Protein backbone atom coordinates (compact mmCIF):
# COMPACT_ATOMS: atom_id res chain seq x y z
CA MET A 1 72.04 -33.70 56.07
CA SER A 2 74.84 -31.18 55.86
CA THR A 3 77.31 -30.83 53.04
CA ALA A 4 80.90 -29.61 53.49
CA THR A 5 81.92 -26.92 51.12
CA ALA A 6 85.62 -26.19 50.48
CA THR A 7 86.58 -22.57 50.50
CA ALA A 8 89.12 -21.66 47.82
CA PRO A 9 92.08 -19.55 49.00
CA ARG A 10 91.62 -15.87 48.33
CA SER A 11 93.87 -14.69 45.50
CA PRO A 12 95.35 -11.22 45.50
CA ALA A 13 93.47 -8.58 43.61
CA PRO A 14 94.45 -8.29 39.95
CA GLY A 15 97.38 -5.94 39.47
CA ARG A 16 98.35 -5.96 43.15
CA PRO A 17 101.67 -7.65 44.10
CA PRO A 18 101.69 -10.22 46.90
CA ALA A 19 102.54 -8.99 50.38
CA THR A 20 105.98 -10.65 50.29
CA ALA A 21 106.95 -8.91 47.06
CA ASP A 22 105.65 -5.62 48.44
CA ARG A 23 107.79 -5.95 51.56
CA ARG A 24 110.80 -6.86 49.41
CA ARG A 25 110.37 -3.73 47.33
CA ARG A 26 110.33 -1.59 50.46
CA PHE A 27 113.32 -3.39 51.98
CA LEU A 28 115.73 -3.44 49.01
CA PRO A 29 116.20 0.36 48.75
CA ARG A 30 117.09 0.44 52.45
CA VAL A 31 119.74 -2.23 51.89
CA GLY A 32 121.18 -0.16 49.07
CA HIS A 33 121.36 2.88 51.34
CA TRP A 34 123.19 0.83 54.00
CA PHE A 35 125.80 -0.28 51.46
CA VAL A 36 126.29 3.23 50.07
CA THR A 37 126.49 4.98 53.46
CA PRO A 38 130.12 3.97 54.33
CA TYR A 39 131.36 5.29 50.98
CA VAL A 40 129.40 8.53 51.38
CA VAL A 41 130.92 9.01 54.84
CA PHE A 42 134.36 8.28 53.39
CA LEU A 43 133.87 10.92 50.69
CA LEU A 44 132.66 13.50 53.19
CA VAL A 45 135.52 12.89 55.63
CA VAL A 46 138.39 12.43 53.17
CA PHE A 47 137.39 14.78 50.33
CA ALA A 48 134.53 17.16 51.11
CA TYR A 49 135.67 18.31 54.57
CA PRO A 50 139.35 18.93 53.58
CA LEU A 51 138.23 20.75 50.43
CA LEU A 52 135.89 23.06 52.36
CA TYR A 53 138.49 23.60 55.09
CA ASN A 54 141.09 24.43 52.43
CA LEU A 55 138.66 26.95 50.92
CA TRP A 56 138.20 28.53 54.36
CA ILE A 57 141.97 28.75 54.91
CA SER A 58 142.45 30.47 51.55
CA PHE A 59 140.43 33.48 52.78
CA HIS A 60 142.24 33.80 56.11
CA ARG A 61 145.73 34.52 57.39
CA PHE A 62 146.45 31.03 58.68
CA TYR A 63 149.44 29.73 60.66
CA PHE A 64 150.67 26.31 61.70
CA THR A 65 150.79 26.11 65.49
CA ALA A 66 152.09 23.72 68.10
CA PRO A 67 149.61 21.23 69.61
CA GLY A 68 147.41 22.99 72.13
CA ALA A 69 148.31 26.49 70.91
CA HIS A 70 145.82 28.69 69.13
CA VAL A 71 146.44 31.70 66.92
CA PRO A 72 143.42 33.62 65.57
CA SER A 73 143.01 33.33 61.81
CA ARG A 74 142.28 36.81 60.48
CA TRP A 75 139.96 37.24 57.48
CA VAL A 76 141.93 38.66 54.53
CA GLY A 77 139.46 38.19 51.68
CA PHE A 78 141.18 37.70 48.32
CA ALA A 79 144.63 38.81 49.53
CA ASN A 80 146.02 35.26 49.29
CA TYR A 81 144.71 34.94 45.75
CA ARG A 82 146.34 38.25 44.77
CA ASP A 83 149.62 36.93 46.16
CA VAL A 84 149.22 33.75 44.16
CA PHE A 85 148.66 35.51 40.84
CA ALA A 86 151.48 37.98 41.55
CA ASP A 87 154.04 35.27 42.27
CA PRO A 88 156.32 34.66 39.23
CA VAL A 89 157.11 31.10 40.35
CA VAL A 90 153.39 30.27 40.37
CA ARG A 91 152.96 31.66 36.87
CA LYS A 92 155.97 29.68 35.73
CA SER A 93 154.56 26.51 37.28
CA PHE A 94 151.32 26.84 35.31
CA VAL A 95 153.26 27.39 32.09
CA ASN A 96 155.29 24.27 32.88
CA ILE A 97 152.21 22.18 33.58
CA GLY A 98 150.67 23.45 30.33
CA ILE A 99 153.73 22.21 28.43
CA PHE A 100 153.50 18.93 30.31
CA LEU A 101 149.81 18.39 29.47
CA VAL A 102 150.27 19.31 25.80
CA ILE A 103 152.84 16.50 25.53
CA ASN A 104 151.44 13.97 27.99
CA VAL A 105 147.69 13.91 27.28
CA PRO A 106 147.70 13.40 23.47
CA LEU A 107 150.63 10.98 23.73
CA THR A 108 148.84 8.98 26.41
CA VAL A 109 145.56 8.76 24.48
CA VAL A 110 147.16 7.78 21.16
CA LEU A 111 149.70 5.29 22.51
CA ALA A 112 147.24 3.67 24.93
CA LEU A 113 144.62 3.17 22.22
CA VAL A 114 147.06 1.85 19.62
CA LEU A 115 148.66 -0.57 22.09
CA ALA A 116 145.27 -1.70 23.39
CA ALA A 117 144.08 -2.43 19.86
CA ALA A 118 147.27 -4.40 19.19
CA LEU A 119 147.04 -6.33 22.47
CA ASN A 120 143.38 -7.06 21.81
CA ALA A 121 144.29 -8.99 18.66
CA LYS A 122 145.33 -12.63 18.69
CA LEU A 123 149.11 -12.58 18.88
CA PRO A 124 151.75 -14.78 20.54
CA PHE A 125 152.61 -14.04 24.18
CA ARG A 126 149.72 -11.58 24.47
CA GLY A 127 149.43 -12.11 28.22
CA PHE A 128 153.13 -11.40 28.68
CA PHE A 129 152.96 -8.13 26.76
CA ARG A 130 149.88 -7.00 28.70
CA ALA A 131 151.67 -7.62 31.99
CA ALA A 132 154.86 -5.94 30.72
CA PHE A 133 153.04 -2.72 29.85
CA TYR A 134 151.19 -2.71 33.18
CA LEU A 135 154.28 -3.38 35.30
CA PRO A 136 155.65 0.21 35.41
CA TYR A 137 152.30 1.48 36.68
CA VAL A 138 152.40 -0.72 39.78
CA THR A 139 156.12 -0.19 40.41
CA ALA A 140 157.14 2.36 43.04
CA SER A 141 157.92 5.77 41.53
CA VAL A 142 161.15 6.03 43.52
CA ALA A 143 162.53 2.89 41.84
CA LEU A 144 161.55 4.13 38.38
CA VAL A 145 163.05 7.55 39.08
CA ALA A 146 166.37 5.85 39.84
CA VAL A 147 166.25 4.11 36.45
CA TRP A 148 165.46 7.31 34.56
CA SER A 149 168.14 9.20 36.46
CA PHE A 150 170.60 6.57 35.26
CA LEU A 151 169.34 6.99 31.69
CA PHE A 152 168.92 10.78 31.44
CA GLY A 153 171.17 12.13 34.19
CA SER A 154 174.46 13.88 33.55
CA ASP A 155 176.79 11.38 31.84
CA GLY A 156 173.81 9.01 31.68
CA LEU A 157 173.38 6.13 29.27
CA VAL A 158 171.37 8.19 26.76
CA ASP A 159 174.06 10.89 26.63
CA LYS A 160 176.73 8.25 26.04
CA VAL A 161 174.73 6.67 23.21
CA LEU A 162 173.99 10.01 21.52
CA GLY A 163 177.50 11.30 21.99
CA PRO A 164 177.89 14.78 20.42
CA LEU A 165 174.13 14.86 19.64
CA ALA A 166 173.22 14.92 23.33
CA PRO A 167 172.04 18.28 24.70
CA ASP A 168 174.40 20.38 26.75
CA PRO A 169 173.64 20.71 29.63
CA SER A 170 172.11 17.27 30.04
CA TRP A 171 168.40 16.45 29.87
CA LEU A 172 167.32 16.85 33.50
CA VAL A 173 169.37 19.99 34.10
CA ASN A 174 168.41 21.58 30.80
CA SER A 175 165.71 24.26 31.04
CA THR A 176 164.38 23.28 27.59
CA TRP A 177 164.31 19.51 27.99
CA ALA A 178 163.52 19.00 31.69
CA MET A 179 159.73 19.27 31.37
CA PRO A 180 159.43 17.17 28.18
CA VAL A 181 161.51 14.41 29.80
CA LEU A 182 159.15 14.44 32.80
CA ALA A 183 156.17 14.23 30.41
CA PHE A 184 157.68 11.22 28.63
CA PHE A 185 158.45 9.57 31.97
CA VAL A 186 154.90 9.97 33.30
CA THR A 187 153.44 8.81 29.98
CA TRP A 188 155.54 5.65 30.06
CA LYS A 189 154.82 4.98 33.73
CA GLN A 190 151.03 5.35 33.53
CA LEU A 191 150.54 3.90 30.07
CA GLY A 192 149.70 0.41 31.31
CA PHE A 193 146.73 1.63 33.34
CA PHE A 194 145.20 3.44 30.37
CA VAL A 195 145.88 0.46 28.09
CA MET A 196 143.81 -1.66 30.49
CA LEU A 197 140.96 0.86 30.31
CA TYR A 198 140.96 0.71 26.54
CA LEU A 199 141.20 -3.09 26.54
CA ALA A 200 138.08 -3.24 28.70
CA ALA A 201 136.29 -0.83 26.35
CA LEU A 202 137.28 -2.85 23.28
CA GLN A 203 135.42 -5.87 24.64
CA ASN A 204 132.18 -3.94 24.12
CA VAL A 205 132.84 -3.18 20.45
CA SER A 206 130.81 -5.64 18.41
CA GLY A 207 132.77 -7.98 16.18
CA GLU A 208 130.06 -7.60 13.55
CA LEU A 209 131.26 -4.05 12.94
CA TYR A 210 134.73 -5.33 12.10
CA ASP A 211 133.22 -8.00 9.83
CA ALA A 212 131.15 -5.37 8.03
CA ALA A 213 134.21 -3.16 7.57
CA SER A 214 136.13 -6.13 6.16
CA VAL A 215 133.31 -6.90 3.72
CA ASP A 216 133.32 -3.26 2.60
CA GLY A 217 137.01 -3.57 1.80
CA ALA A 218 138.33 -1.34 4.62
CA ASP A 219 142.01 -1.75 5.37
CA THR A 220 143.48 -1.89 8.88
CA LEU A 221 143.87 1.87 9.27
CA ARG A 222 140.37 2.63 7.97
CA THR A 223 138.89 -0.02 10.27
CA PHE A 224 140.76 1.45 13.23
CA LEU A 225 139.56 5.00 12.50
CA SER A 226 135.98 4.08 11.55
CA VAL A 227 135.22 1.28 14.03
CA THR A 228 137.68 1.20 16.90
CA VAL A 229 138.02 4.94 17.62
CA PRO A 230 134.24 5.68 17.67
CA GLY A 231 133.58 2.45 19.58
CA VAL A 232 135.80 3.43 22.52
CA ARG A 233 134.91 7.13 22.61
CA PRO A 234 133.52 6.94 26.19
CA ALA A 235 136.80 5.36 27.32
CA THR A 236 138.71 8.12 25.52
CA THR A 237 136.83 10.67 27.61
CA VAL A 238 137.80 8.84 30.81
CA VAL A 239 141.44 8.49 29.73
CA THR A 240 141.69 12.16 28.76
CA VAL A 241 140.16 13.42 32.00
CA PHE A 242 142.29 11.06 34.13
CA ALA A 243 145.44 12.16 32.29
CA ILE A 244 144.60 15.83 32.87
CA ILE A 245 143.93 15.28 36.57
CA THR A 246 147.04 13.19 37.24
CA GLY A 247 149.23 15.48 35.14
CA SER A 248 148.00 18.61 36.90
CA ASN A 249 148.90 17.00 40.25
CA LEU A 250 152.51 16.38 39.20
CA PHE A 251 154.77 16.32 42.25
CA THR A 252 156.92 13.23 42.79
CA GLU A 253 158.68 13.34 39.41
CA PRO A 254 160.00 16.94 39.52
CA TYR A 255 160.71 16.62 43.23
CA LEU A 256 162.96 13.60 42.71
CA LEU A 257 164.15 13.79 39.10
CA THR A 258 165.00 17.49 38.79
CA GLY A 259 165.88 18.32 42.39
CA GLY A 260 162.67 20.12 43.28
CA GLY A 261 161.68 21.79 40.02
CA GLY A 262 165.04 22.82 38.60
CA PRO A 263 166.88 24.09 36.78
CA ALA A 264 165.73 27.65 37.63
CA ASP A 265 162.10 26.53 38.12
CA ALA A 266 162.00 25.05 34.60
CA SER A 267 160.18 21.94 35.86
CA VAL A 268 158.36 23.27 38.91
CA SER A 269 154.67 22.34 39.13
CA PRO A 270 151.76 23.98 41.02
CA VAL A 271 151.58 21.12 43.53
CA LEU A 272 155.32 21.37 44.12
CA VAL A 273 154.92 25.12 44.75
CA MET A 274 152.11 24.31 47.20
CA TYR A 275 154.48 22.01 49.07
CA GLN A 276 157.31 24.53 49.07
CA LYS A 277 155.12 27.45 50.19
CA GLY A 278 152.86 25.58 52.57
CA ILE A 279 155.24 23.13 54.24
CA GLU A 280 158.79 24.35 53.73
CA GLN A 281 158.07 28.09 54.03
CA ALA A 282 155.07 27.82 56.43
CA HIS A 283 152.56 29.76 54.33
CA PRO A 284 149.57 27.38 54.30
CA ASP A 285 147.13 30.17 53.40
CA PHE A 286 149.06 30.88 50.18
CA ALA A 287 149.20 27.15 49.40
CA ALA A 288 145.46 26.80 50.06
CA ALA A 289 144.63 29.63 47.65
CA LEU A 290 146.89 28.08 45.02
CA GLY A 291 145.14 24.75 45.55
CA VAL A 292 141.73 26.33 44.93
CA VAL A 293 142.98 27.96 41.72
CA LEU A 294 144.41 24.63 40.58
CA VAL A 295 141.14 22.79 41.28
CA VAL A 296 139.15 25.36 39.28
CA LEU A 297 141.53 25.11 36.31
CA VAL A 298 141.55 21.30 36.38
CA VAL A 299 137.74 21.18 36.47
CA ALA A 300 137.54 23.64 33.58
CA LEU A 301 140.07 21.69 31.50
CA SER A 302 138.29 18.42 32.26
CA LEU A 303 134.93 19.83 31.14
CA ILE A 304 136.47 21.18 27.94
CA ALA A 305 138.16 17.84 27.25
CA ARG A 306 134.91 15.99 27.90
CA ARG A 307 133.00 18.23 25.51
CA PHE A 308 135.69 17.75 22.87
CA THR A 309 135.99 13.96 23.17
CA GLU A 310 132.23 13.39 23.32
CA LYS A 311 131.57 15.50 20.22
CA GLY A 312 129.74 13.42 17.66
CA ASP A 313 127.97 11.09 20.13
């Protein structure tokens, strides 16, 4: 007489994942690489290659040529960089952009944070105000330039309102006021974007911190300085660095508002000089060297700003 014995299924060894889970662990990183690859290719083609090619041009005597023509690019070492630092218009452009950043960056950070804190509170028509502040950012610069030209141009609305208090010559043709007006314009135009960044950061600040500050008797200003400002410090770093980068690449505003950097180069910017030298005057090697100098300065300023804003973390 024979007896049938049932054989129990073999269980995986203790501590060893099943075969399906093991295959999944090997497969998921490959999927991640597939998703990342298009963006990596995009960065290499659109950013890395032009940057390296620009660096190569800055060390050569380079010329624009007709399609099919070829002119040898002679190695000149640091000659283009010497020309850049010796050019008085270039030096003036960096002074101008320094004035611009001194006005634009602190004003952007302070106004964006204060407005974000106000728009984060429960107030009537909050959605309308959020959209109203964001609207200039998504509006074409050319349209906004037309509005500001109407306001601050010669015999503009602001001059008529101020009357004898208005500067003479007017704002956009005044060597003292041209750059500050551009800084105020860019601050107003981009403010909505930075307000949205701060609004997103405020959602991560715990409400318990505000409750604790209220229990301790902190007023609105003390709560803002002790809870809100430290709570959004990472966003402040992002806002500061973005403001420095966008401000250092100033081009459209002086090109359209002040007639290409006038009066007497009072509002010319490094990027505008790159356009004038590289495109209008056909000196791409000079423009390439200026671009490298600008990139180095922007990176240095961004690192300094990051160290400053992250102090205390």
